[in-house]
Amino acid sequence: MAISVQGFIKLANYYNQTAMLMSAICVQKGGIAMENYVGRFFAADVLEYIVEYGRRLQSAGVAIPAEIVAVINRFAAQYERVRDLATPTQKPFHEMTLAEFEKVMNI
């Protein structure tokens, strides 16, 4: 897939729709907090992918409108807050620390 501004916009829209759906599910399930929702790991992985796509888009030398650069920066800042929720490079359970295991297992 060629890196393009339109591709980034589609990914950003997908993430925004996913976040809205997750919020609706949390409300429907009795108002559970987003940080306790099991889908937060998936959302962090998607956000990580979008941030990497934006980084590659910026390094590709493509003319990017200022509004899109602002969105790329906003997603990067948002990802920094949830970076620890992203799936690790699949470290085996037996190599995880207790804190890492508890975070993965949502204990």
N, C-alpha and C. Protein backbone atom coordinates (compact mmCIF):
# COMPACT_ATOMS: atom_id res chain seq x y z
N MET A 1 0.85 -1.16 0.00
CA MET A 1 0.00 0.00 0.00
C MET A 1 0.90 1.23 0.00
N ALA A 2 0.65 2.09 -0.94
CA ALA A 2 1.43 3.33 -1.04
C ALA A 2 1.01 4.28 0.07
N ILE A 3 1.98 4.94 0.65
CA ILE A 3 1.72 5.90 1.72
C ILE A 3 1.16 7.16 1.08
N SER A 4 0.02 7.61 1.58
CA SER A 4 -0.61 8.81 1.02
C SER A 4 -1.37 9.55 2.12
N VAL A 5 -1.64 10.80 1.85
CA VAL A 5 -2.42 11.60 2.79
C VAL A 5 -3.83 11.03 2.91
N GLN A 6 -4.39 10.59 1.78
CA GLN A 6 -5.75 10.01 1.82
C GLN A 6 -5.77 8.74 2.66
N GLY A 7 -4.72 7.93 2.56
CA GLY A 7 -4.63 6.72 3.39
C GLY A 7 -4.59 7.06 4.87
N PHE A 8 -3.83 8.12 5.20
CA PHE A 8 -3.77 8.53 6.60
C PHE A 8 -5.14 9.01 7.08
N ILE A 9 -5.83 9.76 6.24
CA ILE A 9 -7.16 10.27 6.62
C ILE A 9 -8.12 9.11 6.87
N LYS A 10 -8.06 8.10 6.02
CA LYS A 10 -8.92 6.92 6.21
C LYS A 10 -8.61 6.21 7.53
N LEU A 11 -7.33 6.06 7.83
CA LEU A 11 -6.94 5.43 9.10
C LEU A 11 -7.39 6.27 10.30
N ALA A 12 -7.23 7.58 10.19
CA ALA A 12 -7.65 8.47 11.28
C ALA A 12 -9.15 8.38 11.50
N ASN A 13 -9.91 8.35 10.42
CA ASN A 13 -11.37 8.22 10.53
C ASN A 13 -11.75 6.88 11.15
N TYR A 14 -11.05 5.82 10.75
CA TYR A 14 -11.32 4.51 11.33
C TYR A 14 -11.08 4.53 12.84
N TYR A 15 -9.97 5.10 13.25
CA TYR A 15 -9.66 5.16 14.68
C TYR A 15 -10.71 5.97 15.44
N ASN A 16 -11.11 7.10 14.88
CA ASN A 16 -12.12 7.93 15.55
C ASN A 16 -13.45 7.19 15.67
N GLN A 17 -13.85 6.46 14.64
CA GLN A 17 -15.08 5.68 14.70
C GLN A 17 -14.97 4.56 15.74
N THR A 18 -13.81 3.93 15.79
CA THR A 18 -13.59 2.86 16.77
C THR A 18 -13.65 3.41 18.19
N ALA A 19 -13.05 4.56 18.42
CA ALA A 19 -13.07 5.17 19.75
C ALA A 19 -14.50 5.54 20.15
N MET A 20 -15.29 6.05 19.21
CA MET A 20 -16.69 6.38 19.53
C MET A 20 -17.48 5.12 19.85
N LEU A 21 -17.25 4.05 19.10
CA LEU A 21 -17.95 2.80 19.35
C LEU A 21 -17.56 2.22 20.71
N MET A 22 -16.29 2.28 21.04
CA MET A 22 -15.84 1.80 22.34
C MET A 22 -16.46 2.61 23.47
N SER A 23 -16.57 3.90 23.29
CA SER A 23 -17.21 4.74 24.31
C SER A 23 -18.68 4.35 24.49
N ALA A 24 -19.36 4.10 23.38
CA ALA A 24 -20.77 3.70 23.46
C ALA A 24 -20.92 2.36 24.16
N ILE A 25 -20.01 1.44 23.90
CA ILE A 25 -20.06 0.13 24.56
C ILE A 25 -19.86 0.30 26.06
N CYS A 26 -18.91 1.15 26.45
CA CYS A 26 -18.66 1.38 27.88
C CYS A 26 -19.88 1.95 28.57
N VAL A 27 -20.57 2.86 27.91
CA VAL A 27 -21.79 3.44 28.49
C VAL A 27 -22.87 2.38 28.60
N GLN A 28 -23.03 1.59 27.53
CA GLN A 28 -24.07 0.56 27.53
C GLN A 28 -23.81 -0.52 28.58
N LYS A 29 -22.57 -0.79 28.87
CA LYS A 29 -22.22 -1.82 29.85
C LYS A 29 -22.26 -1.30 31.29
N GLY A 30 -22.89 -0.19 31.49
CA GLY A 30 -23.06 0.32 32.85
C GLY A 30 -22.11 1.43 33.22
N GLY A 31 -21.50 2.05 32.25
CA GLY A 31 -20.63 3.18 32.53
C GLY A 31 -19.25 2.79 33.01
N ILE A 32 -18.72 1.68 32.47
CA ILE A 32 -17.37 1.32 32.88
C ILE A 32 -16.37 2.32 32.29
N ALA A 33 -15.29 2.53 32.99
CA ALA A 33 -14.28 3.48 32.54
C ALA A 33 -13.54 2.92 31.34
N MET A 34 -13.16 3.80 30.41
CA MET A 34 -12.44 3.36 29.21
C MET A 34 -11.14 2.65 29.57
N GLU A 35 -10.49 3.09 30.65
CA GLU A 35 -9.23 2.43 31.02
C GLU A 35 -9.44 1.03 31.57
N ASN A 36 -10.69 0.64 31.85
CA ASN A 36 -10.99 -0.71 32.31
C ASN A 36 -11.59 -1.57 31.20
N TYR A 37 -11.82 -0.98 30.04
CA TYR A 37 -12.43 -1.71 28.93
C TYR A 37 -11.37 -2.56 28.23
N VAL A 38 -11.69 -3.81 27.95
CA VAL A 38 -10.71 -4.73 27.38
C VAL A 38 -10.26 -4.30 25.98
N GLY A 39 -11.07 -3.56 25.25
CA GLY A 39 -10.72 -3.11 23.91
C GLY A 39 -9.67 -2.02 23.87
N ARG A 40 -9.27 -1.54 25.03
CA ARG A 40 -8.26 -0.46 25.06
C ARG A 40 -6.93 -0.93 24.48
N PHE A 41 -6.64 -2.22 24.56
CA PHE A 41 -5.40 -2.74 24.00
C PHE A 41 -5.44 -2.67 22.47
N PHE A 42 -6.58 -3.04 21.90
CA PHE A 42 -6.74 -2.96 20.44
C PHE A 42 -6.63 -1.51 19.98
N ALA A 43 -7.27 -0.61 20.70
CA ALA A 43 -7.23 0.80 20.33
C ALA A 43 -5.79 1.33 20.38
N ALA A 44 -5.03 0.91 21.37
CA ALA A 44 -3.63 1.34 21.48
C ALA A 44 -2.81 0.80 20.31
N ASP A 45 -3.09 -0.44 19.89
CA ASP A 45 -2.37 -1.01 18.75
C ASP A 45 -2.71 -0.26 17.46
N VAL A 46 -3.98 0.07 17.28
CA VAL A 46 -4.39 0.83 16.09
C VAL A 46 -3.74 2.20 16.11
N LEU A 47 -3.74 2.84 17.24
CA LEU A 47 -3.12 4.16 17.36
C LEU A 47 -1.62 4.08 17.06
N GLU A 48 -0.97 3.04 17.53
CA GLU A 48 0.45 2.87 17.24
C GLU A 48 0.68 2.76 15.73
N TYR A 49 -0.19 2.02 15.05
CA TYR A 49 -0.07 1.86 13.59
C TYR A 49 -0.27 3.20 12.89
N ILE A 50 -1.26 3.97 13.32
CA ILE A 50 -1.53 5.26 12.70
C ILE A 50 -0.37 6.23 12.91
N VAL A 51 0.19 6.24 14.09
CA VAL A 51 1.34 7.12 14.37
C VAL A 51 2.52 6.75 13.49
N GLU A 52 2.77 5.46 13.34
CA GLU A 52 3.87 5.02 12.47
C GLU A 52 3.59 5.40 11.02
N TYR A 53 2.35 5.25 10.58
CA TYR A 53 1.97 5.63 9.21
C TYR A 53 2.20 7.13 9.01
N GLY A 54 1.79 7.93 10.00
CA GLY A 54 2.01 9.38 9.91
C GLY A 54 3.48 9.74 9.87
N ARG A 55 4.30 9.04 10.66
CA ARG A 55 5.74 9.28 10.65
C ARG A 55 6.33 8.96 9.27
N ARG A 56 5.91 7.85 8.70
CA ARG A 56 6.40 7.48 7.37
C ARG A 56 5.90 8.45 6.30
N LEU A 57 4.69 8.93 6.47
CA LEU A 57 4.14 9.91 5.53
C LEU A 57 4.98 11.20 5.56
N GLN A 58 5.32 11.65 6.74
CA GLN A 58 6.13 12.86 6.87
C GLN A 58 7.54 12.65 6.31
N SER A 59 8.10 11.49 6.48
CA SER A 59 9.46 11.25 5.99
C SER A 59 9.48 10.93 4.49
N ALA A 60 8.32 10.70 3.88
CA ALA A 60 8.26 10.37 2.46
C ALA A 60 8.43 11.60 1.57
N GLY A 61 8.39 12.78 2.15
CA GLY A 61 8.56 13.99 1.36
C GLY A 61 7.31 14.42 0.62
N VAL A 62 6.17 13.89 1.01
CA VAL A 62 4.90 14.25 0.38
C VAL A 62 4.44 15.59 0.94
N ALA A 63 3.81 16.40 0.08
CA ALA A 63 3.26 17.68 0.56
C ALA A 63 2.05 17.37 1.45
N ILE A 64 2.16 17.77 2.70
CA ILE A 64 1.11 17.48 3.68
C ILE A 64 0.53 18.79 4.16
N PRO A 65 -0.81 18.94 4.08
CA PRO A 65 -1.43 20.17 4.60
C PRO A 65 -1.17 20.32 6.10
N ALA A 66 -1.15 21.54 6.56
CA ALA A 66 -0.87 21.84 7.97
C ALA A 66 -1.88 21.17 8.91
N GLU A 67 -3.12 21.05 8.47
CA GLU A 67 -4.15 20.43 9.30
C GLU A 67 -3.83 18.95 9.55
N ILE A 68 -3.33 18.29 8.52
CA ILE A 68 -2.99 16.87 8.65
C ILE A 68 -1.77 16.70 9.56
N VAL A 69 -0.80 17.60 9.44
CA VAL A 69 0.37 17.55 10.33
C VAL A 69 -0.08 17.71 11.78
N ALA A 70 -1.05 18.60 12.00
CA ALA A 70 -1.57 18.80 13.36
C ALA A 70 -2.24 17.52 13.87
N VAL A 71 -2.96 16.82 13.01
CA VAL A 71 -3.61 15.57 13.41
C VAL A 71 -2.56 14.50 13.70
N ILE A 72 -1.52 14.43 12.87
CA ILE A 72 -0.43 13.48 13.10
C ILE A 72 0.20 13.75 14.47
N ASN A 73 0.45 15.00 14.77
CA ASN A 73 1.06 15.36 16.06
C ASN A 73 0.12 15.06 17.23
N ARG A 74 -1.18 15.29 17.03
CA ARG A 74 -2.15 15.01 18.09
C ARG A 74 -2.21 13.51 18.38
N PHE A 75 -2.22 12.69 17.32
CA PHE A 75 -2.22 11.24 17.52
C PHE A 75 -0.93 10.77 18.19
N ALA A 76 0.20 11.38 17.82
CA ALA A 76 1.47 11.00 18.44
C ALA A 76 1.46 11.32 19.93
N ALA A 77 0.92 12.48 20.29
CA ALA A 77 0.83 12.85 21.71
C ALA A 77 -0.12 11.91 22.45
N GLN A 78 -1.22 11.55 21.80
CA GLN A 78 -2.19 10.64 22.41
C GLN A 78 -1.55 9.26 22.59
N TYR A 79 -0.76 8.83 21.62
CA TYR A 79 -0.12 7.52 21.71
C TYR A 79 0.89 7.48 22.85
N GLU A 80 1.58 8.57 23.09
CA GLU A 80 2.55 8.60 24.19
C GLU A 80 1.88 8.31 25.53
N ARG A 81 0.60 8.72 25.68
CA ARG A 81 -0.11 8.48 26.93
C ARG A 81 -0.54 7.02 27.08
N VAL A 82 -0.70 6.30 25.96
CA VAL A 82 -1.17 4.90 26.04
C VAL A 82 -0.14 3.91 25.52
N ARG A 83 1.08 4.35 25.36
CA ARG A 83 2.14 3.51 24.78
C ARG A 83 2.28 2.18 25.53
N ASP A 84 2.12 2.19 26.83
CA ASP A 84 2.31 0.97 27.61
C ASP A 84 1.17 -0.04 27.41
N LEU A 85 0.09 0.36 26.75
CA LEU A 85 -1.02 -0.56 26.48
C LEU A 85 -0.85 -1.29 25.15
N ALA A 86 0.02 -0.78 24.29
CA ALA A 86 0.22 -1.41 22.99
C ALA A 86 0.82 -2.79 23.19
N THR A 87 0.44 -3.69 22.30
CA THR A 87 0.95 -5.05 22.37
C THR A 87 2.46 -5.03 22.22
N PRO A 88 3.17 -5.65 23.15
CA PRO A 88 4.62 -5.70 22.99
C PRO A 88 4.97 -6.57 21.80
N THR A 89 6.21 -6.62 21.47
CA THR A 89 6.63 -7.46 20.35
C THR A 89 6.51 -8.92 20.76
N GLN A 90 5.45 -9.21 21.40
CA GLN A 90 5.05 -10.52 21.88
C GLN A 90 6.13 -11.21 22.67
N LYS A 91 6.45 -10.58 23.75
CA LYS A 91 7.37 -11.16 24.73
C LYS A 91 6.65 -12.34 25.38
N PRO A 92 7.28 -13.50 25.48
CA PRO A 92 6.62 -14.64 26.11
C PRO A 92 6.29 -14.35 27.58
N PHE A 93 5.22 -14.94 28.06
CA PHE A 93 4.79 -14.71 29.43
C PHE A 93 5.89 -15.02 30.44
N HIS A 94 6.64 -16.08 30.19
CA HIS A 94 7.65 -16.47 31.17
C HIS A 94 8.82 -15.47 31.24
N GLU A 95 8.93 -14.56 30.27
CA GLU A 95 9.97 -13.55 30.30
C GLU A 95 9.47 -12.21 30.83
N MET A 96 8.16 -12.09 31.07
CA MET A 96 7.59 -10.84 31.56
C MET A 96 7.84 -10.66 33.05
N THR A 97 7.94 -9.40 33.45
CA THR A 97 7.95 -9.11 34.88
C THR A 97 6.53 -9.25 35.39
N LEU A 98 6.37 -9.30 36.69
CA LEU A 98 5.05 -9.41 37.27
C LEU A 98 4.18 -8.22 36.87
N ALA A 99 4.76 -7.02 36.87
CA ALA A 99 4.00 -5.82 36.50
C ALA A 99 3.53 -5.89 35.05
N GLU A 100 4.40 -6.36 34.14
CA GLU A 100 4.02 -6.48 32.74
C GLU A 100 2.90 -7.51 32.58
N PHE A 101 3.02 -8.64 33.27
CA PHE A 101 2.01 -9.68 33.20
C PHE A 101 0.67 -9.18 33.71
N GLU A 102 0.67 -8.48 34.84
CA GLU A 102 -0.57 -7.97 35.40
C GLU A 102 -1.22 -6.97 34.45
N LYS A 103 -0.42 -6.14 33.80
CA LYS A 103 -0.98 -5.17 32.86
C LYS A 103 -1.59 -5.88 31.66
N VAL A 104 -0.92 -6.88 31.11
CA VAL A 104 -1.44 -7.63 29.96
C VAL A 104 -2.71 -8.37 30.33
N MET A 105 -2.73 -8.95 31.52
CA MET A 105 -3.88 -9.74 31.94
C MET A 105 -4.99 -8.88 32.59
N ASN A 106 -4.75 -7.58 32.71
CA ASN A 106 -5.74 -6.67 33.26
C ASN A 106 -6.11 -7.04 34.69
N ILE A 107 -5.09 -7.31 35.48
CA ILE A 107 -5.32 -7.71 36.88
C ILE A 107 -5.20 -6.47 37.75
